[in-house]
């Protein structure tokens, strides 16, 4: 198993540097099984958004990666949960925080918008605003 960094996945998806994109494609599409920590996905979403990609384009890119047969990211179930919440309007980082906290009793935040959105989309983990 080979762990890949954000820049490998970004070059693969963005194809914004021809030479690096070719190298990234050889790695991603190669015979080796790949993995990545969830922090790589957190950073990847930021990179994709900062390059002007829409929410739908970012979600499509993540689905592409998560669907690759040789790609076995750590915390894959949490990533799928975060992606589903991202599709429903939640910030990816917030969605990932909730996904990785799923075994906890509740998630407490000062972020009023996050608490309201979590209630509206019906996350399984209760999110409450700290008061």
C-alpha atoms as a PDB file:
ATOM      1  CA  UNK A   1       0.000   0.000   0.000  1.00  0.00           C
ATOM      2  CA  UNK A   2       1.271   3.444  -0.945  1.00  0.00           C
ATOM      3  CA  UNK A   3       0.062   6.595   0.823  1.00  0.00           C
ATOM      4  CA  UNK A   4      -0.345   9.591  -1.451  1.00  0.00           C
ATOM      5  CA  UNK A   5      -0.147  13.278  -0.659  1.00  0.00           C
ATOM      6  CA  UNK A   6      -2.632  15.964  -1.616  1.00  0.00           C
ATOM      7  CA  UNK A   7      -0.408  17.238  -4.407  1.00  0.00           C
ATOM      8  CA  UNK A   8      -0.492  13.857  -6.189  1.00  0.00           C
ATOM      9  CA  UNK A   9      -4.288  13.766  -6.117  1.00  0.00           C
ATOM     10  CA  UNK A  10      -4.568  17.443  -7.033  1.00  0.00           C
ATOM     11  CA  UNK A  11      -2.272  17.084 -10.065  1.00  0.00           C
ATOM     12  CA  UNK A  12      -4.230  13.978 -11.125  1.00  0.00           C
ATOM     13  CA  UNK A  13      -7.569  15.781 -10.898  1.00  0.00           C
ATOM     14  CA  UNK A  14      -6.596  19.250 -12.088  1.00  0.00           C
ATOM     15  CA  UNK A  15      -4.103  18.294 -14.809  1.00  0.00           C
ATOM     16  CA  UNK A  16      -2.645  21.781 -14.383  1.00  0.00           C
ATOM     17  CA  UNK A  17       0.990  20.760 -14.753  1.00  0.00           C
ATOM     18  CA  UNK A  18       1.406  18.350 -17.665  1.00  0.00           C
ATOM     19  CA  UNK A  19       4.535  16.577 -16.419  1.00  0.00           C
ATOM     20  CA  UNK A  20       3.330  16.209 -12.829  1.00  0.00           C
ATOM     21  CA  UNK A  21      -0.153  15.180 -14.029  1.00  0.00           C
ATOM     22  CA  UNK A  22       1.392  12.348 -16.062  1.00  0.00           C
ATOM     23  CA  UNK A  23       3.399  11.166 -13.072  1.00  0.00           C
ATOM     24  CA  UNK A  24       0.336  11.420 -10.821  1.00  0.00           C
ATOM     25  CA  UNK A  25      -1.771   9.471 -13.328  1.00  0.00           C
ATOM     26  CA  UNK A  26       0.848   6.711 -13.444  1.00  0.00           C
ATOM     27  CA  UNK A  27       0.710   6.481  -9.648  1.00  0.00           C
ATOM     28  CA  UNK A  28      -3.070   6.715  -9.273  1.00  0.00           C
ATOM     29  CA  UNK A  29      -3.872   4.448 -12.209  1.00  0.00           C
ATOM     30  CA  UNK A  30      -1.040   2.014 -11.482  1.00  0.00           C
ATOM     31  CA  UNK A  31      -1.153  -1.493 -10.081  1.00  0.00           C
ATOM     32  CA  UNK A  32      -0.315  -0.542  -6.483  1.00  0.00           C
ATOM     33  CA  UNK A  33      -3.029  -0.097  -3.873  1.00  0.00           C
ATOM     34  CA  UNK A  34      -3.181   3.491  -2.651  1.00  0.00           C
ATOM     35  CA  UNK A  35      -4.345   5.109   0.546  1.00  0.00           C
ATOM     36  CA  UNK A  36      -4.492   8.583   2.020  1.00  0.00           C
ATOM     37  CA  UNK A  37      -5.273   9.960   5.461  1.00  0.00           C
ATOM     38  CA  UNK A  38      -8.432  12.031   5.850  1.00  0.00           C
ATOM     39  CA  UNK A  39      -6.308  15.155   6.243  1.00  0.00           C
ATOM     40  CA  UNK A  40      -5.280  14.773   2.596  1.00  0.00           C
ATOM     41  CA  UNK A  41      -8.952  14.956   1.615  1.00  0.00           C
ATOM     42  CA  UNK A  42      -9.503  17.975   3.810  1.00  0.00           C
ATOM     43  CA  UNK A  43      -6.626  19.747   2.096  1.00  0.00           C
ATOM     44  CA  UNK A  44      -7.666  18.474  -1.350  1.00  0.00           C
ATOM     45  CA  UNK A  45     -11.132  19.997  -1.052  1.00  0.00           C
ATOM     46  CA  UNK A  46      -9.541  23.312  -0.087  1.00  0.00           C
ATOM     47  CA  UNK A  47      -7.183  23.141  -3.094  1.00  0.00           C
ATOM     48  CA  UNK A  48      -9.978  22.253  -5.519  1.00  0.00           C
ATOM     49  CA  UNK A  49     -12.238  25.023  -4.212  1.00  0.00           C
ATOM     50  CA  UNK A  50      -9.417  27.572  -4.272  1.00  0.00           C
ATOM     51  CA  UNK A  51      -8.859  26.743  -7.956  1.00  0.00           C
ATOM     52  CA  UNK A  52     -12.412  27.853  -8.688  1.00  0.00           C
ATOM     53  CA  UNK A  53     -14.143  24.471  -8.816  1.00  0.00           C
ATOM     54  CA  UNK A  54     -17.809  24.414  -7.878  1.00  0.00           C
ATOM     55  CA  UNK A  55     -19.179  22.300  -5.046  1.00  0.00           C
ATOM     56  CA  UNK A  56     -20.569  19.854  -7.626  1.00  0.00           C
ATOM     57  CA  UNK A  57     -17.196  19.580  -9.367  1.00  0.00           C
ATOM     58  CA  UNK A  58     -15.405  18.983  -6.063  1.00  0.00           C
ATOM     59  CA  UNK A  59     -17.938  16.316  -5.075  1.00  0.00           C
ATOM     60  CA  UNK A  60     -17.566  14.638  -8.489  1.00  0.00           C
ATOM     61  CA  UNK A  61     -13.772  14.599  -8.084  1.00  0.00           C
ATOM     62  CA  UNK A  62     -14.004  13.039  -4.629  1.00  0.00           C
ATOM     63  CA  UNK A  63     -16.425  10.383  -5.911  1.00  0.00           C
ATOM     64  CA  UNK A  64     -14.021   9.598  -8.730  1.00  0.00           C
ATOM     65  CA  UNK A  65     -11.174   9.030  -6.283  1.00  0.00           C
ATOM     66  CA  UNK A  66     -13.247   7.087  -3.763  1.00  0.00           C
ATOM     67  CA  UNK A  67     -14.520   4.885  -6.580  1.00  0.00           C
ATOM     68  CA  UNK A  68     -11.113   3.838  -7.869  1.00  0.00           C
ATOM     69  CA  UNK A  69     -10.635   0.086  -7.295  1.00  0.00           C
ATOM     70  CA  UNK A  70      -7.060   0.466  -6.044  1.00  0.00           C
ATOM     71  CA  UNK A  71      -7.779   3.437  -3.755  1.00  0.00           C
ATOM     72  CA  UNK A  72      -8.468   2.521  -0.154  1.00  0.00           C
ATOM     73  CA  UNK A  73      -8.385   5.727   1.891  1.00  0.00           C
ATOM     74  CA  UNK A  74      -8.278   5.593   5.650  1.00  0.00           C
ATOM     75  CA  UNK A  75     -11.629   6.291   7.292  1.00  0.00           C
ATOM     76  CA  UNK A  76     -13.429   5.664   3.983  1.00  0.00           C
ATOM     77  CA  UNK A  77     -16.827   5.402   5.672  1.00  0.00           C
ATOM     78  CA  UNK A  78     -16.326   8.799   7.302  1.00  0.00           C
ATOM     79  CA  UNK A  79     -15.265  10.275   3.967  1.00  0.00           C
ATOM     80  CA  UNK A  80     -18.438   8.990   2.285  1.00  0.00           C
ATOM     81  CA  UNK A  81     -20.522  10.434   5.143  1.00  0.00           C
ATOM     82  CA  UNK A  82     -18.736  13.775   4.856  1.00  0.00           C
ATOM     83  CA  UNK A  83     -19.250  13.784   1.100  1.00  0.00           C
ATOM     84  CA  UNK A  84     -22.991  13.154   1.544  1.00  0.00           C
ATOM     85  CA  UNK A  85     -23.226  16.068   3.986  1.00  0.00           C
ATOM     86  CA  UNK A  86     -21.127  18.239   1.655  1.00  0.00           C
ATOM     87  CA  UNK A  87     -23.618  17.424  -1.125  1.00  0.00           C
ATOM     88  CA  UNK A  88     -26.372  18.734   1.143  1.00  0.00           C
ATOM     89  CA  UNK A  89     -24.666  22.083   1.708  1.00  0.00           C
ATOM     90  CA  UNK A  90     -22.328  21.523   4.639  1.00  0.00           C
ATOM     91  CA  UNK A  91     -18.740  22.712   4.558  1.00  0.00           C
ATOM     92  CA  UNK A  92     -16.529  19.680   3.879  1.00  0.00           C
ATOM     93  CA  UNK A  93     -14.331  20.295   6.922  1.00  0.00           C
ATOM     94  CA  UNK A  94     -17.372  20.532   9.211  1.00  0.00           C
ATOM     95  CA  UNK A  95     -18.862  17.418   7.631  1.00  0.00           C
ATOM     96  CA  UNK A  96     -15.618  15.542   8.183  1.00  0.00           C
ATOM     97  CA  UNK A  97     -15.441  16.691  11.818  1.00  0.00           C
ATOM     98  CA  UNK A  98     -18.936  15.298  12.377  1.00  0.00           C
ATOM     99  CA  UNK A  99     -18.194  12.077  10.533  1.00  0.00           C
ATOM    100  CA  UNK A 100     -15.093  11.428  12.611  1.00  0.00           C
ATOM    101  CA  UNK A 101     -17.058  12.201  15.791  1.00  0.00           C
ATOM    102  CA  UNK A 102     -19.932   9.827  14.998  1.00  0.00           C
ATOM    103  CA  UNK A 103     -19.221   7.574  17.989  1.00  0.00           C
ATOM    104  CA  UNK A 104     -19.516  10.487  20.409  1.00  0.00           C
ATOM    105  CA  UNK A 105     -22.603  11.646  22.299  1.00  0.00           C
ATOM    106  CA  UNK A 106     -22.767  15.053  20.628  1.00  0.00           C
ATOM    107  CA  UNK A 107     -20.735  17.712  18.875  1.00  0.00           C
ATOM    108  CA  UNK A 108     -20.593  21.171  20.472  1.00  0.00           C
ATOM    109  CA  UNK A 109     -19.694  24.290  18.513  1.00  0.00           C
ATOM    110  CA  UNK A 110     -19.967  28.073  18.557  1.00  0.00           C
ATOM    111  CA  UNK A 111     -20.817  27.866  14.849  1.00  0.00           C
ATOM    112  CA  UNK A 112     -24.550  28.654  14.793  1.00  0.00           C
ATOM    113  CA  UNK A 113     -24.769  27.952  11.050  1.00  0.00           C
ATOM    114  CA  UNK A 114     -23.229  24.475  11.465  1.00  0.00           C
ATOM    115  CA  UNK A 115     -25.619  23.568  14.294  1.00  0.00           C
ATOM    116  CA  UNK A 116     -28.634  24.723  12.282  1.00  0.00           C
ATOM    117  CA  UNK A 117     -27.528  22.995   9.096  1.00  0.00           C
ATOM    118  CA  UNK A 118     -26.812  19.746  10.955  1.00  0.00           C
ATOM    119  CA  UNK A 119     -30.348  19.821  12.364  1.00  0.00           C
ATOM    120  CA  UNK A 120     -31.839  20.629   8.961  1.00  0.00           C
ATOM    121  CA  UNK A 121     -30.093  17.816   7.116  1.00  0.00           C
ATOM    122  CA  UNK A 122     -30.605  15.375   9.964  1.00  0.00           C
ATOM    123  CA  UNK A 123     -27.111  14.264  10.904  1.00  0.00           C
ATOM    124  CA  UNK A 124     -27.088  11.262  13.211  1.00  0.00           C
ATOM    125  CA  UNK A 125     -24.755  13.038  15.643  1.00  0.00           C
ATOM    126  CA  UNK A 126     -26.527  15.816  17.540  1.00  0.00           C
ATOM    127  CA  UNK A 127     -24.815  19.164  16.976  1.00  0.00           C
ATOM    128  CA  UNK A 128     -25.493  21.829  19.558  1.00  0.00           C
ATOM    129  CA  UNK A 129     -24.504  25.430  19.785  1.00  0.00           C
ATOM    130  CA  UNK A 130     -22.452  26.229  22.870  1.00  0.00           C
ATOM    131  CA  UNK A 131     -24.118  28.885  25.016  1.00  0.00           C
END
